[in-house]
């Protein structure tokens, strides 16, 4: 038996930013969220796309609210811990990151 190991794993979205994302939030985690929402929207056209600018404004909040409705989460428009991981899980599913080539 041979077990592979590595110091670096690529292709897996980084984890929870540590606090809720809401209107007024900005930075890399907001940008990551916006990119993932836009990619998910390719498979779920009811989900609106947003400008990928790293700024959590009303359009991002509306897209998050719609994501939450579609996937059975409380539709608050705030990215809390459960929403972040649901976005990550759906993103992995639609991009097939978890599937071997």
Protein backbone atom coordinates (compact mmCIF):
# COMPACT_ATOMS: atom_id res chain seq x y z
CA UNK A 1 0.00 0.00 0.00
CA UNK A 2 1.26 3.45 -0.91
CA UNK A 3 -0.12 6.63 0.65
CA UNK A 4 0.37 9.93 -1.15
CA UNK A 5 0.90 13.10 0.82
CA UNK A 6 1.40 16.72 -0.05
CA UNK A 7 2.04 20.04 1.61
CA UNK A 8 -0.38 21.88 -0.67
CA UNK A 9 -3.89 21.12 -1.88
CA UNK A 10 -5.22 23.17 -4.77
CA UNK A 11 -8.67 23.59 -6.23
CA UNK A 12 -10.55 23.59 -2.94
CA UNK A 13 -12.26 26.86 -2.00
CA UNK A 14 -10.83 28.44 1.12
CA UNK A 15 -12.90 28.19 4.22
CA UNK A 16 -15.15 30.37 6.34
CA UNK A 17 -13.91 33.96 6.67
CA UNK A 18 -14.56 33.95 10.43
CA UNK A 19 -17.38 36.48 10.50
CA UNK A 20 -20.60 37.12 8.62
CA UNK A 21 -20.46 38.91 5.28
CA UNK A 22 -23.10 41.58 4.84
CA UNK A 23 -23.67 44.94 3.16
CA UNK A 24 -20.55 47.02 3.75
CA UNK A 25 -18.17 44.03 3.85
CA UNK A 26 -15.34 44.04 1.33
CA UNK A 27 -12.20 42.18 0.41
CA UNK A 28 -10.99 38.84 -0.91
CA UNK A 29 -13.69 36.74 0.80
CA UNK A 30 -16.45 38.88 -0.71
CA UNK A 31 -14.78 38.56 -4.13
CA UNK A 32 -14.55 34.78 -3.67
CA UNK A 33 -18.24 34.65 -2.75
CA UNK A 34 -19.20 36.74 -5.80
CA UNK A 35 -17.15 34.52 -8.13
CA UNK A 36 -18.71 31.38 -6.69
CA UNK A 37 -22.26 32.79 -6.87
CA UNK A 38 -21.68 33.72 -10.52
CA UNK A 39 -20.36 30.25 -11.34
CA UNK A 40 -23.30 28.59 -9.55
CA UNK A 41 -25.68 30.83 -11.54
CA UNK A 42 -24.46 29.16 -14.74
CA UNK A 43 -26.20 25.97 -13.54
CA UNK A 44 -29.03 27.68 -11.63
CA UNK A 45 -30.29 30.48 -13.90
CA UNK A 46 -32.81 31.70 -11.31
CA UNK A 47 -29.81 32.93 -9.34
CA UNK A 48 -28.82 36.49 -10.35
CA UNK A 49 -25.21 37.25 -11.19
CA UNK A 50 -23.28 40.06 -9.54
CA UNK A 51 -20.36 42.32 -10.34
CA UNK A 52 -17.16 40.72 -9.08
CA UNK A 53 -15.67 43.73 -7.31
CA UNK A 54 -15.09 42.51 -3.74
CA UNK A 55 -17.70 44.91 -2.35
CA UNK A 56 -20.79 43.48 -0.67
CA UNK A 57 -23.54 45.79 -1.84
CA UNK A 58 -27.27 45.41 -2.35
CA UNK A 59 -26.89 43.34 -5.56
CA UNK A 60 -24.71 40.82 -3.74
CA UNK A 61 -27.15 40.73 -0.82
CA UNK A 62 -30.04 40.10 -3.24
CA UNK A 63 -28.12 37.29 -4.98
CA UNK A 64 -27.30 35.74 -1.60
CA UNK A 65 -30.95 36.04 -0.53
CA UNK A 66 -32.05 34.24 -3.71
CA UNK A 67 -29.36 31.57 -3.21
CA UNK A 68 -30.64 31.04 0.33
CA UNK A 69 -34.24 30.67 -0.93
CA UNK A 70 -33.26 28.20 -3.66
CA UNK A 71 -31.22 26.04 -1.30
CA UNK A 72 -33.52 26.07 1.74
CA UNK A 73 -31.68 28.46 4.03
CA UNK A 74 -33.19 31.43 5.90
CA UNK A 75 -33.30 34.22 3.27
CA UNK A 76 -31.48 36.95 5.21
CA UNK A 77 -29.05 38.16 2.55
CA UNK A 78 -26.26 37.75 5.10
CA UNK A 79 -23.56 35.14 4.50
CA UNK A 80 -23.36 33.34 7.81
CA UNK A 81 -21.54 30.06 8.53
CA UNK A 82 -24.26 27.75 7.06
CA UNK A 83 -24.63 29.90 3.93
CA UNK A 84 -20.87 30.05 3.33
CA UNK A 85 -20.57 26.26 3.45
CA UNK A 86 -23.65 25.71 1.28
CA UNK A 87 -22.20 28.07 -1.34
CA UNK A 88 -18.88 26.18 -1.13
CA UNK A 89 -20.59 22.79 -1.42
CA UNK A 90 -22.72 23.80 -4.41
CA UNK A 91 -19.72 25.48 -6.06
CA UNK A 92 -17.65 22.32 -5.71
CA UNK A 93 -20.53 20.32 -7.17
CA UNK A 94 -21.05 22.52 -10.21
CA UNK A 95 -17.34 22.83 -10.98
CA UNK A 96 -16.72 19.15 -10.28
CA UNK A 97 -13.63 19.98 -8.23
CA UNK A 98 -14.20 16.89 -6.12
CA UNK A 99 -14.28 14.51 -9.09
CA UNK A 100 -11.08 12.92 -10.38
CA UNK A 101 -10.32 13.43 -14.06
